[in-house]
């Protein structure tokens, strides 16, 4: 992967890049190898994308909780 990026004069900001594997709640996540692009890409269960929090189950629970906390402060 790193060689392909360099050949095409592209770069990835590994500090901002996250790995999320979408799956149903009933399915257990198998052991996976870490993804590396110069450094190891962090595997996360929840991440913020364009202001919306998404999780590995594609549920809205995390996003709703964050919005609820913001509203409660007002």
C-alpha atoms as a PDB file:
ATOM      1  CA  UNK A   1       0.000   0.000   0.000  1.00  0.00           C
ATOM      2  CA  UNK A   2       2.760   2.419   0.939  1.00  0.00           C
ATOM      3  CA  UNK A   3       4.581   1.790  -2.352  1.00  0.00           C
ATOM      4  CA  UNK A   4       1.365   2.470  -4.320  1.00  0.00           C
ATOM      5  CA  UNK A   5       0.833   5.749  -2.454  1.00  0.00           C
ATOM      6  CA  UNK A   6       4.387   6.880  -3.141  1.00  0.00           C
ATOM      7  CA  UNK A   7       4.179   5.863  -6.817  1.00  0.00           C
ATOM      8  CA  UNK A   8       1.030   7.987  -7.217  1.00  0.00           C
ATOM      9  CA  UNK A   9       2.465  10.871  -5.158  1.00  0.00           C
ATOM     10  CA  UNK A  10      -0.211  10.535  -2.483  1.00  0.00           C
ATOM     11  CA  UNK A  11       0.024  10.585   1.287  1.00  0.00           C
ATOM     12  CA  UNK A  12      -2.218   9.611   4.190  1.00  0.00           C
ATOM     13  CA  UNK A  13      -2.268  11.426   7.512  1.00  0.00           C
ATOM     14  CA  UNK A  14      -2.028   8.393   9.793  1.00  0.00           C
ATOM     15  CA  UNK A  15      -2.815  10.509  12.862  1.00  0.00           C
ATOM     16  CA  UNK A  16      -6.266  11.330  11.433  1.00  0.00           C
ATOM     17  CA  UNK A  17      -6.932   7.981   9.735  1.00  0.00           C
ATOM     18  CA  UNK A  18      -9.077   5.456  11.601  1.00  0.00           C
ATOM     19  CA  UNK A  19     -10.129   1.909  10.739  1.00  0.00           C
ATOM     20  CA  UNK A  20     -13.694   0.857  11.520  1.00  0.00           C
ATOM     21  CA  UNK A  21     -15.182  -2.506  10.622  1.00  0.00           C
ATOM     22  CA  UNK A  22     -18.958  -2.427  10.190  1.00  0.00           C
ATOM     23  CA  UNK A  23     -20.786  -5.517  11.405  1.00  0.00           C
ATOM     24  CA  UNK A  24     -24.087  -6.706  12.889  1.00  0.00           C
ATOM     25  CA  UNK A  25     -24.299  -6.860  16.693  1.00  0.00           C
ATOM     26  CA  UNK A  26     -24.700 -10.638  16.623  1.00  0.00           C
ATOM     27  CA  UNK A  27     -21.425 -11.239  14.772  1.00  0.00           C
ATOM     28  CA  UNK A  28     -18.203 -11.485  16.779  1.00  0.00           C
ATOM     29  CA  UNK A  29     -15.279  -9.619  15.286  1.00  0.00           C
ATOM     30  CA  UNK A  30     -12.536 -12.070  14.278  1.00  0.00           C
ATOM     31  CA  UNK A  31      -8.895 -11.458  15.100  1.00  0.00           C
ATOM     32  CA  UNK A  32      -7.483  -9.194  12.374  1.00  0.00           C
ATOM     33  CA  UNK A  33      -4.009  -8.098  11.444  1.00  0.00           C
ATOM     34  CA  UNK A  34      -3.231  -4.443  12.081  1.00  0.00           C
ATOM     35  CA  UNK A  35      -3.397  -2.225   8.999  1.00  0.00           C
ATOM     36  CA  UNK A  36      -0.131  -0.393   8.421  1.00  0.00           C
ATOM     37  CA  UNK A  37       0.643   2.571   6.203  1.00  0.00           C
ATOM     38  CA  UNK A  38       4.039   3.734   7.458  1.00  0.00           C
ATOM     39  CA  UNK A  39       2.491   3.434  10.975  1.00  0.00           C
ATOM     40  CA  UNK A  40      -0.304   1.297  12.395  1.00  0.00           C
ATOM     41  CA  UNK A  41      -3.800   2.642  11.628  1.00  0.00           C
ATOM     42  CA  UNK A  42      -5.924   2.708  14.787  1.00  0.00           C
ATOM     43  CA  UNK A  43      -8.893   0.307  14.947  1.00  0.00           C
ATOM     44  CA  UNK A  44     -11.882   2.080  16.556  1.00  0.00           C
ATOM     45  CA  UNK A  45     -15.479   1.207  17.418  1.00  0.00           C
ATOM     46  CA  UNK A  46     -16.815   4.772  17.040  1.00  0.00           C
ATOM     47  CA  UNK A  47     -15.585   7.756  15.044  1.00  0.00           C
ATOM     48  CA  UNK A  48     -16.738  11.216  14.015  1.00  0.00           C
ATOM     49  CA  UNK A  49     -17.181  11.745  10.280  1.00  0.00           C
ATOM     50  CA  UNK A  50     -18.327  15.117   8.932  1.00  0.00           C
ATOM     51  CA  UNK A  51     -19.902  15.998  12.292  1.00  0.00           C
ATOM     52  CA  UNK A  52     -21.794  12.712  12.648  1.00  0.00           C
ATOM     53  CA  UNK A  53     -20.729  10.015  15.077  1.00  0.00           C
ATOM     54  CA  UNK A  54     -20.908   6.548  13.560  1.00  0.00           C
ATOM     55  CA  UNK A  55     -20.186   3.236  15.218  1.00  0.00           C
ATOM     56  CA  UNK A  56     -19.363  -0.246  14.048  1.00  0.00           C
ATOM     57  CA  UNK A  57     -23.054  -1.252  14.120  1.00  0.00           C
ATOM     58  CA  UNK A  58     -24.223   1.794  12.123  1.00  0.00           C
ATOM     59  CA  UNK A  59     -26.444   2.774  15.036  1.00  0.00           C
ATOM     60  CA  UNK A  60     -27.247   6.334  16.132  1.00  0.00           C
ATOM     61  CA  UNK A  61     -26.770   5.751  19.882  1.00  0.00           C
ATOM     62  CA  UNK A  62     -23.422   7.565  20.220  1.00  0.00           C
ATOM     63  CA  UNK A  63     -24.521  10.477  18.036  1.00  0.00           C
ATOM     64  CA  UNK A  64     -27.781  10.885  19.964  1.00  0.00           C
ATOM     65  CA  UNK A  65     -25.912  10.879  23.302  1.00  0.00           C
ATOM     66  CA  UNK A  66     -23.490  13.590  22.122  1.00  0.00           C
ATOM     67  CA  UNK A  67     -26.330  15.777  20.834  1.00  0.00           C
ATOM     68  CA  UNK A  68     -28.322  15.191  24.037  1.00  0.00           C
ATOM     69  CA  UNK A  69     -25.332  16.395  26.137  1.00  0.00           C
ATOM     70  CA  UNK A  70     -24.941  19.522  23.977  1.00  0.00           C
ATOM     71  CA  UNK A  71     -28.637  20.354  24.343  1.00  0.00           C
ATOM     72  CA  UNK A  72     -28.530  19.782  28.106  1.00  0.00           C
ATOM     73  CA  UNK A  73     -25.735  22.406  28.427  1.00  0.00           C
ATOM     74  CA  UNK A  74     -27.916  25.072  26.784  1.00  0.00           C
END
